[in-house]
């Protein structure tokens, strides 16, 4: 008996270990576990109860573990009709997780069977929602006309409640991953986009023309005011100039010879100041050069003046010549 004691102890330890393995199970914090006894649910272990748990050995009790982490899938390319009878080809996606292990076990059973059920719900919902929206809600150059976010929200609303009530699955998000258009629909889309662009161009042109008209009218009003103000100022300056000129006109009227002399002098200054010009002319006949002749006569000696008048007395002649020269000099110097 003593010889078989170690063998019995080892056998007992092995039996205890096997019994513990058959009666104990561990649940991770990312899992939910459902314990069934004779295929009837006896216990549900939620993720917040993760740790070591015990059960009766198989085949009395069985443990069904399900991942509670988010998982995703996407549908295949499927055709769908829009409200305006246009065909689109799209792929939708969904993210989901198991939140009710007991309901999932009863209705689905295996995890690999969950994705097809969610896919069926999603494809049906896509068909239903797109029938209530035109193609312009999916493809449009105007961001305000795009209803993609609203459409995806309706996808989610349509499958979230049925998935949770039937299968214990929480659908977190749903969206359109890829969107395609058949060739016939593509032509219609391009034509509609061109038409939208034309409308936008016409609207911008109309706004530009209206703005140009407004600017033009405003500029004309401002220019009229400026012109009117300038004309009023010009008339004022003209009146002041006429009043100032009237003073000189009165003086010129009293002394016409002075006026003629100043005009001749001004003309000579313009002619001589025009540039390097050589003039050959008769100074006695060319006006205003006749003033030079008058200056020359004024500077001739008194004796020559006496000879010009013939046989007059020398003293008388000298006196008359000097008087004539003085008068000519005075005529050449009007300002003195």
C-alpha atoms as a PDB file:
ATOM      1  CA  UNK A   1       0.000   0.000   0.000  1.00  0.00           C
ATOM      2  CA  UNK A   2       2.812   2.373   0.861  1.00  0.00           C
ATOM      3  CA  UNK A   3       4.395   1.655  -2.494  1.00  0.00           C
ATOM      4  CA  UNK A   4       1.308   2.829  -4.410  1.00  0.00           C
ATOM      5  CA  UNK A   5       0.824   6.000  -2.340  1.00  0.00           C
ATOM      6  CA  UNK A   6       2.860   8.355  -4.576  1.00  0.00           C
ATOM      7  CA  UNK A   7       1.068   7.061  -7.639  1.00  0.00           C
ATOM      8  CA  UNK A   8      -2.268   7.622  -5.992  1.00  0.00           C
ATOM      9  CA  UNK A   9      -1.274  11.140  -4.976  1.00  0.00           C
ATOM     10  CA  UNK A  10      -0.176  12.017  -8.495  1.00  0.00           C
ATOM     11  CA  UNK A  11      -3.379  10.581  -9.906  1.00  0.00           C
ATOM     12  CA  UNK A  12      -5.400  12.558  -7.384  1.00  0.00           C
ATOM     13  CA  UNK A  13      -3.604  15.785  -8.302  1.00  0.00           C
ATOM     14  CA  UNK A  14      -4.196  15.152 -12.008  1.00  0.00           C
ATOM     15  CA  UNK A  15      -7.865  14.487 -11.362  1.00  0.00           C
ATOM     16  CA  UNK A  16      -8.159  17.700  -9.338  1.00  0.00           C
ATOM     17  CA  UNK A  17      -6.469  19.701 -12.097  1.00  0.00           C
ATOM     18  CA  UNK A  18      -8.685  18.203 -14.772  1.00  0.00           C
ATOM     19  CA  UNK A  19     -11.719  18.841 -12.620  1.00  0.00           C
ATOM     20  CA  UNK A  20     -10.716  22.471 -12.113  1.00  0.00           C
ATOM     21  CA  UNK A  21     -10.180  22.900 -15.835  1.00  0.00           C
ATOM     22  CA  UNK A  22     -13.584  21.445 -16.528  1.00  0.00           C
ATOM     23  CA  UNK A  23     -15.344  23.485 -13.867  1.00  0.00           C
ATOM     24  CA  UNK A  24     -13.519  26.853 -14.192  1.00  0.00           C
ATOM     25  CA  UNK A  25     -13.417  29.313 -17.074  1.00  0.00           C
ATOM     26  CA  UNK A  26     -12.005  32.779 -17.597  1.00  0.00           C
ATOM     27  CA  UNK A  27     -13.750  35.766 -19.193  1.00  0.00           C
ATOM     28  CA  UNK A  28     -11.729  38.652 -20.678  1.00  0.00           C
ATOM     29  CA  UNK A  29     -12.824  42.292 -20.433  1.00  0.00           C
ATOM     30  CA  UNK A  30     -13.432  42.292 -24.196  1.00  0.00           C
ATOM     31  CA  UNK A  31     -15.811  39.332 -24.058  1.00  0.00           C
ATOM     32  CA  UNK A  32     -19.267  38.467 -22.920  1.00  0.00           C
ATOM     33  CA  UNK A  33     -19.922  34.828 -21.904  1.00  0.00           C
ATOM     34  CA  UNK A  34     -23.173  32.881 -21.833  1.00  0.00           C
ATOM     35  CA  UNK A  35     -23.315  29.670 -19.765  1.00  0.00           C
ATOM     36  CA  UNK A  36     -25.918  27.089 -20.810  1.00  0.00           C
ATOM     37  CA  UNK A  37     -26.975  24.015 -18.876  1.00  0.00           C
ATOM     38  CA  UNK A  38     -28.473  21.370 -21.045  1.00  0.00           C
ATOM     39  CA  UNK A  39     -28.820  24.003 -23.789  1.00  0.00           C
ATOM     40  CA  UNK A  40     -30.714  26.352 -21.519  1.00  0.00           C
ATOM     41  CA  UNK A  41     -29.162  29.663 -20.480  1.00  0.00           C
ATOM     42  CA  UNK A  42     -28.185  29.590 -16.848  1.00  0.00           C
ATOM     43  CA  UNK A  43     -25.730  32.492 -16.540  1.00  0.00           C
ATOM     44  CA  UNK A  44     -24.497  35.531 -18.495  1.00  0.00           C
ATOM     45  CA  UNK A  45     -21.120  37.085 -17.705  1.00  0.00           C
ATOM     46  CA  UNK A  46     -20.762  40.695 -18.882  1.00  0.00           C
ATOM     47  CA  UNK A  47     -17.385  42.323 -19.722  1.00  0.00           C
ATOM     48  CA  UNK A  48     -17.408  44.292 -16.458  1.00  0.00           C
ATOM     49  CA  UNK A  49     -17.450  40.925 -14.611  1.00  0.00           C
ATOM     50  CA  UNK A  50     -14.288  39.702 -16.327  1.00  0.00           C
ATOM     51  CA  UNK A  51     -12.198  37.195 -14.388  1.00  0.00           C
ATOM     52  CA  UNK A  52     -12.347  33.584 -13.166  1.00  0.00           C
ATOM     53  CA  UNK A  53     -15.751  31.906 -12.993  1.00  0.00           C
ATOM     54  CA  UNK A  54     -16.977  28.361 -12.272  1.00  0.00           C
ATOM     55  CA  UNK A  55     -19.497  26.023 -13.850  1.00  0.00           C
ATOM     56  CA  UNK A  56     -20.447  22.392 -13.931  1.00  0.00           C
ATOM     57  CA  UNK A  57     -18.293  20.185 -16.137  1.00  0.00           C
ATOM     58  CA  UNK A  58     -19.144  19.482 -19.716  1.00  0.00           C
ATOM     59  CA  UNK A  59     -21.549  18.198 -21.012  1.00  0.00           C
ATOM     60  CA  UNK A  60     -23.727  19.646 -18.255  1.00  0.00           C
ATOM     61  CA  UNK A  61     -22.644  23.269 -18.703  1.00  0.00           C
ATOM     62  CA  UNK A  62     -21.241  24.906 -21.836  1.00  0.00           C
ATOM     63  CA  UNK A  63     -19.666  28.367 -22.196  1.00  0.00           C
ATOM     64  CA  UNK A  64     -20.302  30.539 -25.279  1.00  0.00           C
ATOM     65  CA  UNK A  65     -17.899  33.460 -25.609  1.00  0.00           C
ATOM     66  CA  UNK A  66     -18.521  36.507 -27.886  1.00  0.00           C
ATOM     67  CA  UNK A  67     -16.223  39.434 -28.663  1.00  0.00           C
ATOM     68  CA  UNK A  68     -17.639  42.812 -27.669  1.00  0.00           C
ATOM     69  CA  UNK A  69     -15.087  44.893 -29.605  1.00  0.00           C
ATOM     70  CA  UNK A  70     -16.137  46.887 -32.663  1.00  0.00           C
ATOM     71  CA  UNK A  71     -16.109  45.049 -35.952  1.00  0.00           C
ATOM     72  CA  UNK A  72     -16.874  46.254 -39.450  1.00  0.00           C
ATOM     73  CA  UNK A  73     -17.862  44.921 -42.822  1.00  0.00           C
ATOM     74  CA  UNK A  74     -18.881  46.346 -46.195  1.00  0.00           C
ATOM     75  CA  UNK A  75     -21.406  45.308 -48.764  1.00  0.00           C
ATOM     76  CA  UNK A  76     -20.655  44.393 -52.345  1.00  0.00           C
ATOM     77  CA  UNK A  77     -21.302  46.723 -55.257  1.00  0.00           C
ATOM     78  CA  UNK A  78     -25.069  46.785 -55.645  1.00  0.00           C
ATOM     79  CA  UNK A  79     -27.332  48.798 -57.919  1.00  0.00           C
ATOM     80  CA  UNK A  80     -29.983  51.021 -56.394  1.00  0.00           C
ATOM     81  CA  UNK A  81     -32.616  53.307 -57.881  1.00  0.00           C
ATOM     82  CA  UNK A  82     -33.121  56.912 -56.787  1.00  0.00           C
ATOM     83  CA  UNK A  83     -36.318  58.904 -56.543  1.00  0.00           C
ATOM     84  CA  UNK A  84     -35.834  60.370 -60.043  1.00  0.00           C
ATOM     85  CA  UNK A  85     -35.373  56.884 -61.542  1.00  0.00           C
ATOM     86  CA  UNK A  86     -31.573  57.098 -61.808  1.00  0.00           C
ATOM     87  CA  UNK A  87     -29.387  54.088 -61.177  1.00  0.00           C
ATOM     88  CA  UNK A  88     -26.392  54.244 -58.865  1.00  0.00           C
ATOM     89  CA  UNK A  89     -23.870  51.617 -57.839  1.00  0.00           C
ATOM     90  CA  UNK A  90     -22.580  51.851 -54.294  1.00  0.00           C
ATOM     91  CA  UNK A  91     -20.830  50.034 -51.483  1.00  0.00           C
ATOM     92  CA  UNK A  92     -21.943  50.631 -47.899  1.00  0.00           C
ATOM     93  CA  UNK A  93     -20.154  49.815 -44.657  1.00  0.00           C
ATOM     94  CA  UNK A  94     -21.208  49.306 -41.038  1.00  0.00           C
ATOM     95  CA  UNK A  95     -19.463  48.991 -37.663  1.00  0.00           C
ATOM     96  CA  UNK A  96     -21.113  46.877 -35.000  1.00  0.00           C
ATOM     97  CA  UNK A  97     -20.575  44.928 -31.773  1.00  0.00           C
ATOM     98  CA  UNK A  98     -22.408  42.386 -29.648  1.00  0.00           C
ATOM     99  CA  UNK A  99     -23.991  43.924 -26.557  1.00  0.00           C
ATOM    100  CA  UNK A 100     -26.616  41.295 -25.586  1.00  0.00           C
ATOM    101  CA  UNK A 101     -25.003  37.863 -25.474  1.00  0.00           C
ATOM    102  CA  UNK A 102     -28.165  36.039 -24.401  1.00  0.00           C
ATOM    103  CA  UNK A 103     -30.231  37.396 -27.307  1.00  0.00           C
ATOM    104  CA  UNK A 104     -27.381  36.862 -29.736  1.00  0.00           C
ATOM    105  CA  UNK A 105     -27.046  33.223 -28.692  1.00  0.00           C
ATOM    106  CA  UNK A 106     -30.762  32.611 -29.153  1.00  0.00           C
ATOM    107  CA  UNK A 107     -31.140  34.298 -32.552  1.00  0.00           C
ATOM    108  CA  UNK A 108     -27.715  34.054 -34.204  1.00  0.00           C
ATOM    109  CA  UNK A 109     -25.586  31.581 -32.305  1.00  0.00           C
ATOM    110  CA  UNK A 110     -22.218  31.930 -34.062  1.00  0.00           C
ATOM    111  CA  UNK A 111     -20.224  35.119 -34.557  1.00  0.00           C
ATOM    112  CA  UNK A 112     -19.526  34.410 -38.215  1.00  0.00           C
ATOM    113  CA  UNK A 113     -23.279  34.396 -38.876  1.00  0.00           C
ATOM    114  CA  UNK A 114     -23.743  37.956 -37.544  1.00  0.00           C
ATOM    115  CA  UNK A 115     -22.241  39.862 -40.502  1.00  0.00           C
ATOM    116  CA  UNK A 116     -24.612  38.383 -43.138  1.00  0.00           C
ATOM    117  CA  UNK A 117     -27.649  39.315 -41.029  1.00  0.00           C
ATOM    118  CA  UNK A 118     -26.435  42.910 -40.601  1.00  0.00           C
ATOM    119  CA  UNK A 119     -25.593  43.021 -44.313  1.00  0.00           C
ATOM    120  CA  UNK A 120     -29.127  42.011 -45.246  1.00  0.00           C
ATOM    121  CA  UNK A 121     -30.580  44.711 -43.036  1.00  0.00           C
ATOM    122  CA  UNK A 122     -28.222  47.326 -44.458  1.00  0.00           C
ATOM    123  CA  UNK A 123     -28.825  46.473 -48.112  1.00  0.00           C
ATOM    124  CA  UNK A 124     -32.590  46.597 -47.644  1.00  0.00           C
ATOM    125  CA  UNK A 125     -32.340  49.929 -45.866  1.00  0.00           C
ATOM    126  CA  UNK A 126     -30.129  51.363 -48.614  1.00  0.00           C
ATOM    127  CA  UNK A 127     -32.701  50.459 -51.237  1.00  0.00           C
ATOM    128  CA  UNK A 128     -35.539  51.995 -49.217  1.00  0.00           C
ATOM    129  CA  UNK A 129     -33.765  55.256 -48.386  1.00  0.00           C
ATOM    130  CA  UNK A 130     -32.392  55.942 -51.868  1.00  0.00           C
ATOM    131  CA  UNK A 131     -35.887  55.629 -53.354  1.00  0.00           C
ATOM    132  CA  UNK A 132     -36.854  58.732 -51.371  1.00  0.00           C
ATOM    133  CA  UNK A 133     -33.924  60.913 -52.539  1.00  0.00           C
ATOM    134  CA  UNK A 134     -33.023  62.223 -56.006  1.00  0.00           C
ATOM    135  CA  UNK A 135     -29.617  61.730 -57.562  1.00  0.00           C
ATOM    136  CA  UNK A 136     -28.755  65.383 -56.864  1.00  0.00           C
ATOM    137  CA  UNK A 137     -28.721  64.542 -53.138  1.00  0.00           C
ATOM    138  CA  UNK A 138     -25.767  62.216 -53.787  1.00  0.00           C
ATOM    139  CA  UNK A 139     -23.909  64.060 -56.584  1.00  0.00           C
ATOM    140  CA  UNK A 140     -24.018  67.840 -56.700  1.00  0.00           C
ATOM    141  CA  UNK A 141     -21.667  70.798 -57.110  1.00  0.00           C
ATOM    142  CA  UNK A 142     -23.582  72.755 -54.474  1.00  0.00           C
ATOM    143  CA  UNK A 143     -22.648  71.604 -50.954  1.00  0.00           C
ATOM    144  CA  UNK A 144     -26.005  72.768 -49.621  1.00  0.00           C
ATOM    145  CA  UNK A 145     -27.822  70.410 -51.995  1.00  0.00           C
ATOM    146  CA  UNK A 146     -25.788  67.400 -50.864  1.00  0.00           C
ATOM    147  CA  UNK A 147     -27.751  65.199 -48.456  1.00  0.00           C
ATOM    148  CA  UNK A 148     -25.182  62.442 -47.975  1.00  0.00           C
ATOM    149  CA  UNK A 149     -24.976  62.901 -44.198  1.00  0.00           C
ATOM    150  CA  UNK A 150     -28.768  62.765 -43.873  1.00  0.00           C
ATOM    151  CA  UNK A 151     -28.930  59.649 -46.034  1.00  0.00           C
ATOM    152  CA  UNK A 152     -26.299  57.869 -43.936  1.00  0.00           C
ATOM    153  CA  UNK A 153     -28.137  58.886 -40.764  1.00  0.00           C
ATOM    154  CA  UNK A 154     -31.310  57.302 -42.130  1.00  0.00           C
ATOM    155  CA  UNK A 155     -29.341  54.143 -42.954  1.00  0.00           C
ATOM    156  CA  UNK A 156     -28.230  53.935 -39.324  1.00  0.00           C
ATOM    157  CA  UNK A 157     -31.655  54.708 -37.881  1.00  0.00           C
ATOM    158  CA  UNK A 158     -33.280  52.093 -40.070  1.00  0.00           C
ATOM    159  CA  UNK A 159     -31.094  49.181 -38.979  1.00  0.00           C
ATOM    160  CA  UNK A 160     -30.016  50.111 -35.452  1.00  0.00           C
ATOM    161  CA  UNK A 161     -33.261  49.244 -33.680  1.00  0.00           C
ATOM    162  CA  UNK A 162     -33.998  45.988 -35.575  1.00  0.00           C
ATOM    163  CA  UNK A 163     -30.429  44.758 -35.107  1.00  0.00           C
ATOM    164  CA  UNK A 164     -30.542  45.434 -31.376  1.00  0.00           C
ATOM    165  CA  UNK A 165     -34.014  43.999 -30.818  1.00  0.00           C
ATOM    166  CA  UNK A 166     -33.593  40.887 -32.972  1.00  0.00           C
ATOM    167  CA  UNK A 167     -29.952  39.970 -32.607  1.00  0.00           C
ATOM    168  CA  UNK A 168     -28.572  41.862 -29.594  1.00  0.00           C
ATOM    169  CA  UNK A 169     -26.158  43.697 -31.936  1.00  0.00           C
ATOM    170  CA  UNK A 170     -25.454  47.419 -31.595  1.00  0.00           C
ATOM    171  CA  UNK A 171     -24.790  49.045 -34.979  1.00  0.00           C
ATOM    172  CA  UNK A 172     -22.560  52.041 -34.218  1.00  0.00           C
ATOM    173  CA  UNK A 173     -22.124  53.684 -37.619  1.00  0.00           C
ATOM    174  CA  UNK A 174     -23.183  53.249 -41.230  1.00  0.00           C
ATOM    175  CA  UNK A 175     -21.943  55.018 -44.343  1.00  0.00           C
ATOM    176  CA  UNK A 176     -21.350  54.939 -48.090  1.00  0.00           C
ATOM    177  CA  UNK A 177     -17.815  53.855 -48.890  1.00  0.00           C
ATOM    178  CA  UNK A 178     -17.856  54.039 -52.694  1.00  0.00           C
ATOM    179  CA  UNK A 179     -20.344  55.486 -55.137  1.00  0.00           C
ATOM    180  CA  UNK A 180     -20.413  54.757 -58.856  1.00  0.00           C
ATOM    181  CA  UNK A 181     -22.609  55.749 -61.752  1.00  0.00           C
ATOM    182  CA  UNK A 182     -23.420  53.879 -64.967  1.00  0.00           C
ATOM    183  CA  UNK A 183     -22.335  55.496 -68.234  1.00  0.00           C
ATOM    184  CA  UNK A 184     -25.845  56.635 -69.131  1.00  0.00           C
ATOM    185  CA  UNK A 185     -26.327  58.230 -65.742  1.00  0.00           C
ATOM    186  CA  UNK A 186     -22.865  59.820 -65.908  1.00  0.00           C
ATOM    187  CA  UNK A 187     -23.828  61.688 -69.080  1.00  0.00           C
ATOM    188  CA  UNK A 188     -26.977  62.983 -67.413  1.00  0.00           C
ATOM    189  CA  UNK A 189     -24.986  64.034 -64.352  1.00  0.00           C
ATOM    190  CA  UNK A 190     -22.446  65.920 -66.455  1.00  0.00           C
ATOM    191  CA  UNK A 191     -25.229  67.604 -68.431  1.00  0.00           C
ATOM    192  CA  UNK A 192     -26.956  68.664 -65.228  1.00  0.00           C
ATOM    193  CA  UNK A 193     -23.677  69.923 -63.754  1.00  0.00           C
ATOM    194  CA  UNK A 194     -23.050  71.985 -66.910  1.00  0.00           C
ATOM    195  CA  UNK A 195     -26.537  73.430 -66.680  1.00  0.00           C
ATOM    196  CA  UNK A 196     -25.977  74.308 -63.035  1.00  0.00           C
ATOM    197  CA  UNK A 197     -22.728  76.016 -64.009  1.00  0.00           C
ATOM    198  CA  UNK A 198     -24.485  77.975 -66.733  1.00  0.00           C
ATOM    199  CA  UNK A 199     -27.122  79.141 -64.274  1.00  0.00           C
ATOM    200  CA  UNK A 200     -24.428  80.172 -61.839  1.00  0.00           C
ATOM    201  CA  UNK A 201     -22.560  82.035 -64.606  1.00  0.00           C
ATOM    202  CA  UNK A 202     -25.721  83.881 -65.641  1.00  0.00           C
ATOM    203  CA  UNK A 203     -26.423  84.805 -62.049  1.00  0.00           C
ATOM    204  CA  UNK A 204     -22.891  86.096 -61.533  1.00  0.00           C
ATOM    205  CA  UNK A 205     -23.049  88.048 -64.802  1.00  0.00           C
ATOM    206  CA  UNK A 206     -26.358  89.613 -63.786  1.00  0.00           C
ATOM    207  CA  UNK A 207     -24.934  90.551 -60.397  1.00  0.00           C
ATOM    208  CA  UNK A 208     -21.822  91.967 -62.082  1.00  0.00           C
ATOM    209  CA  UNK A 209     -23.862  94.033 -64.530  1.00  0.00           C
ATOM    210  CA  UNK A 210     -26.038  95.359 -61.728  1.00  0.00           C
ATOM    211  CA  UNK A 211     -22.946  96.283 -59.726  1.00  0.00           C
ATOM    212  CA  UNK A 212     -21.365  97.903 -62.801  1.00  0.00           C
ATOM    213  CA  UNK A 213     -24.527  99.941 -63.425  1.00  0.00           C
ATOM    214  CA  UNK A 214     -24.574 101.059 -59.812  1.00  0.00           C
ATOM    215  CA  UNK A 215     -20.912 102.094 -59.961  1.00  0.00           C
ATOM    216  CA  UNK A 216     -21.449 103.848 -63.304  1.00  0.00           C
ATOM    217  CA  UNK A 217     -24.453 105.824 -62.022  1.00  0.00           C
ATOM    218  CA  UNK A 218     -22.603 106.744 -58.859  1.00  0.00           C
ATOM    219  CA  UNK A 219     -19.563 107.853 -60.879  1.00  0.00           C
ATOM    220  CA  UNK A 220     -21.734 109.953 -63.180  1.00  0.00           C
ATOM    221  CA  UNK A 221     -23.376 111.646 -60.217  1.00  0.00           C
ATOM    222  CA  UNK A 222     -20.009 112.370 -58.648  1.00  0.00           C
ATOM    223  CA  UNK A 223     -18.584 113.630 -61.961  1.00  0.00           C
ATOM    224  CA  UNK A 224     -21.581 115.923 -62.483  1.00  0.00           C
ATOM    225  CA  UNK A 225     -21.072 117.395 -59.026  1.00  0.00           C
ATOM    226  CA  UNK A 226     -17.348 117.878 -59.675  1.00  0.00           C
ATOM    227  CA  UNK A 227     -17.993 119.462 -63.097  1.00  0.00           C
ATOM    228  CA  UNK A 228     -20.659 121.758 -61.672  1.00  0.00           C
ATOM    229  CA  UNK A 229     -18.324 122.798 -58.872  1.00  0.00           C
ATOM    230  CA  UNK A 230     -15.457 123.352 -61.326  1.00  0.00           C
ATOM    231  CA  UNK A 231     -17.682 125.397 -63.654  1.00  0.00           C
ATOM    232  CA  UNK A 232     -18.837 127.529 -60.737  1.00  0.00           C
ATOM    233  CA  UNK A 233     -15.236 128.053 -59.650  1.00  0.00           C
ATOM    234  CA  UNK A 234     -14.217 128.807 -63.256  1.00  0.00           C
ATOM    235  CA  UNK A 235     -16.962 131.408 -63.553  1.00  0.00           C
ATOM    236  CA  UNK A 236     -15.841 132.934 -60.274  1.00  0.00           C
ATOM    237  CA  UNK A 237     -12.215 133.061 -61.421  1.00  0.00           C
ATOM    238  CA  UNK A 238     -13.285 134.358 -64.817  1.00  0.00           C
ATOM    239  CA  UNK A 239     -15.260 137.141 -63.184  1.00  0.00           C
ATOM    240  CA  UNK A 240     -12.314 137.999 -60.965  1.00  0.00           C
ATOM    241  CA  UNK A 241     -10.036 137.992 -64.016  1.00  0.00           C
ATOM    242  CA  UNK A 242     -12.412 140.197 -65.972  1.00  0.00           C
ATOM    243  CA  UNK A 243     -12.604 142.618 -63.063  1.00  0.00           C
ATOM    244  CA  UNK A 244      -8.809 142.673 -62.781  1.00  0.00           C
ATOM    245  CA  UNK A 245      -8.386 143.018 -66.536  1.00  0.00           C
ATOM    246  CA  UNK A 246     -10.878 145.876 -66.633  1.00  0.00           C
ATOM    247  CA  UNK A 247      -8.403 148.000 -64.680  1.00  0.00           C
ATOM    248  CA  UNK A 248      -5.750 147.510 -67.382  1.00  0.00           C
ATOM    249  CA  UNK A 249      -8.274 147.934 -70.197  1.00  0.00           C
ATOM    250  CA  UNK A 250      -9.172 151.310 -68.795  1.00  0.00           C
ATOM    251  CA  UNK A 251      -5.519 152.339 -68.724  1.00  0.00           C
ATOM    252  CA  UNK A 252      -4.994 151.033 -72.285  1.00  0.00           C
ATOM    253  CA  UNK A 253      -8.067 152.942 -73.443  1.00  0.00           C
ATOM    254  CA  UNK A 254      -6.584 156.129 -72.061  1.00  0.00           C
ATOM    255  CA  UNK A 255      -3.187 155.419 -73.684  1.00  0.00           C
ATOM    256  CA  UNK A 256      -3.719 153.461 -76.935  1.00  0.00           C
ATOM    257  CA  UNK A 257      -0.138 154.029 -78.082  1.00  0.00           C
ATOM    258  CA  UNK A 258       1.117 152.313 -74.935  1.00  0.00           C
ATOM    259  CA  UNK A 259      -1.129 149.326 -75.621  1.00  0.00           C
ATOM    260  CA  UNK A 260       0.127 149.005 -79.195  1.00  0.00           C
ATOM    261  CA  UNK A 261       3.713 149.327 -78.046  1.00  0.00           C
ATOM    262  CA  UNK A 262       3.363 146.572 -75.427  1.00  0.00           C
ATOM    263  CA  UNK A 263       1.709 144.227 -77.912  1.00  0.00           C
ATOM    264  CA  UNK A 264       4.522 144.837 -80.419  1.00  0.00           C
ATOM    265  CA  UNK A 265       7.115 144.233 -77.701  1.00  0.00           C
ATOM    266  CA  UNK A 266       5.433 140.977 -76.703  1.00  0.00           C
ATOM    267  CA  UNK A 267       5.391 139.790 -80.318  1.00  0.00           C
ATOM    268  CA  UNK A 268       9.113 140.540 -80.705  1.00  0.00           C
ATOM    269  CA  UNK A 269       9.885 138.508 -77.553  1.00  0.00           C
ATOM    270  CA  UNK A 270       7.941 135.538 -78.936  1.00  0.00           C
ATOM    271  CA  UNK A 271       9.665 135.700 -82.313  1.00  0.00           C
ATOM    272  CA  UNK A 272      13.164 136.039 -80.881  1.00  0.00           C
ATOM    273  CA  UNK A 273      12.545 133.371 -78.234  1.00  0.00           C
ATOM    274  CA  UNK A 274      11.272 130.744 -80.709  1.00  0.00           C
ATOM    275  CA  UNK A 275      14.784 129.365 -81.350  1.00  0.00           C
ATOM    276  CA  UNK A 276      17.758 129.806 -83.651  1.00  0.00           C
ATOM    277  CA  UNK A 277      15.908 131.597 -86.463  1.00  0.00           C
ATOM    278  CA  UNK A 278      17.394 134.055 -89.003  1.00  0.00           C
ATOM    279  CA  UNK A 279      15.002 136.680 -90.344  1.00  0.00           C
ATOM    280  CA  UNK A 280      15.796 138.892 -93.360  1.00  0.00           C
ATOM    281  CA  UNK A 281      13.239 141.682 -93.641  1.00  0.00           C
ATOM    282  CA  UNK A 282      12.717 145.386 -94.111  1.00  0.00           C
ATOM    283  CA  UNK A 283      12.573 146.730 -90.609  1.00  0.00           C
ATOM    284  CA  UNK A 284      10.781 149.869 -91.799  1.00  0.00           C
ATOM    285  CA  UNK A 285       7.832 147.880 -93.148  1.00  0.00           C
ATOM    286  CA  UNK A 286       7.685 144.831 -90.856  1.00  0.00           C
ATOM    287  CA  UNK A 287       5.572 145.217 -87.787  1.00  0.00           C
ATOM    288  CA  UNK A 288       6.585 145.099 -84.916  1.00  0.00           C
ATOM    289  CA  UNK A 289      10.195 145.655 -86.052  1.00  0.00           C
ATOM    290  CA  UNK A 290       9.361 149.273 -86.891  1.00  0.00           C
ATOM    291  CA  UNK A 291      10.049 150.159 -83.268  1.00  0.00           C
ATOM    292  CA  UNK A 292      13.696 149.365 -83.930  1.00  0.00           C
ATOM    293  CA  UNK A 293      13.658 151.893 -86.763  1.00  0.00           C
ATOM    294  CA  UNK A 294      12.143 154.459 -84.433  1.00  0.00           C
ATOM    295  CA  UNK A 295      14.906 153.777 -81.925  1.00  0.00           C
ATOM    296  CA  UNK A 296      17.542 154.158 -84.666  1.00  0.00           C
ATOM    297  CA  UNK A 297      16.156 157.514 -85.788  1.00  0.00           C
ATOM    298  CA  UNK A 298      16.133 158.694 -82.221  1.00  0.00           C
ATOM    299  CA  UNK A 299      19.836 157.933 -81.866  1.00  0.00           C
ATOM    300  CA  UNK A 300      21.011 159.748 -85.079  1.00  0.00           C
ATOM    301  CA  UNK A 301      23.104 162.980 -84.572  1.00  0.00           C
ATOM    302  CA  UNK A 302      21.403 166.282 -84.613  1.00  0.00           C
ATOM    303  CA  UNK A 303      23.544 167.419 -87.551  1.00  0.00           C
ATOM    304  CA  UNK A 304      22.106 164.691 -89.786  1.00  0.00           C
ATOM    305  CA  UNK A 305      18.632 165.770 -88.771  1.00  0.00           C
ATOM    306  CA  UNK A 306      19.514 169.265 -89.797  1.00  0.00           C
ATOM    307  CA  UNK A 307      20.692 168.134 -93.191  1.00  0.00           C
ATOM    308  CA  UNK A 308      17.453 166.230 -93.761  1.00  0.00           C
ATOM    309  CA  UNK A 309      15.314 169.373 -93.359  1.00  0.00           C
ATOM    310  CA  UNK A 310      17.317 171.491 -95.820  1.00  0.00           C
ATOM    311  CA  UNK A 311      18.728 174.953 -95.428  1.00  0.00           C
ATOM    312  CA  UNK A 312      17.499 175.887 -92.046  1.00  0.00           C
ATOM    313  CA  UNK A 313      19.424 177.864 -89.489  1.00  0.00           C
ATOM    314  CA  UNK A 314      21.922 175.720 -87.605  1.00  0.00           C
ATOM    315  CA  UNK A 315      20.736 176.699 -84.144  1.00  0.00           C
ATOM    316  CA  UNK A 316      17.129 176.329 -85.084  1.00  0.00           C
ATOM    317  CA  UNK A 317      17.871 173.110 -86.842  1.00  0.00           C
ATOM    318  CA  UNK A 318      19.735 171.767 -83.880  1.00  0.00           C
ATOM    319  CA  UNK A 319      16.910 172.690 -81.563  1.00  0.00           C
ATOM    320  CA  UNK A 320      14.300 171.089 -83.807  1.00  0.00           C
ATOM    321  CA  UNK A 321      16.434 167.947 -84.214  1.00  0.00           C
ATOM    322  CA  UNK A 322      16.937 167.609 -80.500  1.00  0.00           C
ATOM    323  CA  UNK A 323      13.192 168.013 -79.903  1.00  0.00           C
ATOM    324  CA  UNK A 324      12.418 165.369 -82.506  1.00  0.00           C
ATOM    325  CA  UNK A 325      14.943 162.980 -81.015  1.00  0.00           C
ATOM    326  CA  UNK A 326      13.530 163.526 -77.545  1.00  0.00           C
ATOM    327  CA  UNK A 327      10.002 162.796 -78.795  1.00  0.00           C
ATOM    328  CA  UNK A 328      11.175 159.599 -80.470  1.00  0.00           C
ATOM    329  CA  UNK A 329      13.061 158.474 -77.386  1.00  0.00           C
ATOM    330  CA  UNK A 330       9.988 159.178 -75.275  1.00  0.00           C
ATOM    331  CA  UNK A 331       7.942 157.071 -77.686  1.00  0.00           C
ATOM    332  CA  UNK A 332      10.439 154.228 -77.349  1.00  0.00           C
ATOM    333  CA  UNK A 333      10.279 154.451 -73.536  1.00  0.00           C
ATOM    334  CA  UNK A 334       6.586 154.462 -72.707  1.00  0.00           C
ATOM    335  CA  UNK A 335       7.048 153.380 -69.151  1.00  0.00           C
ATOM    336  CA  UNK A 336       8.988 156.483 -68.106  1.00  0.00           C
END
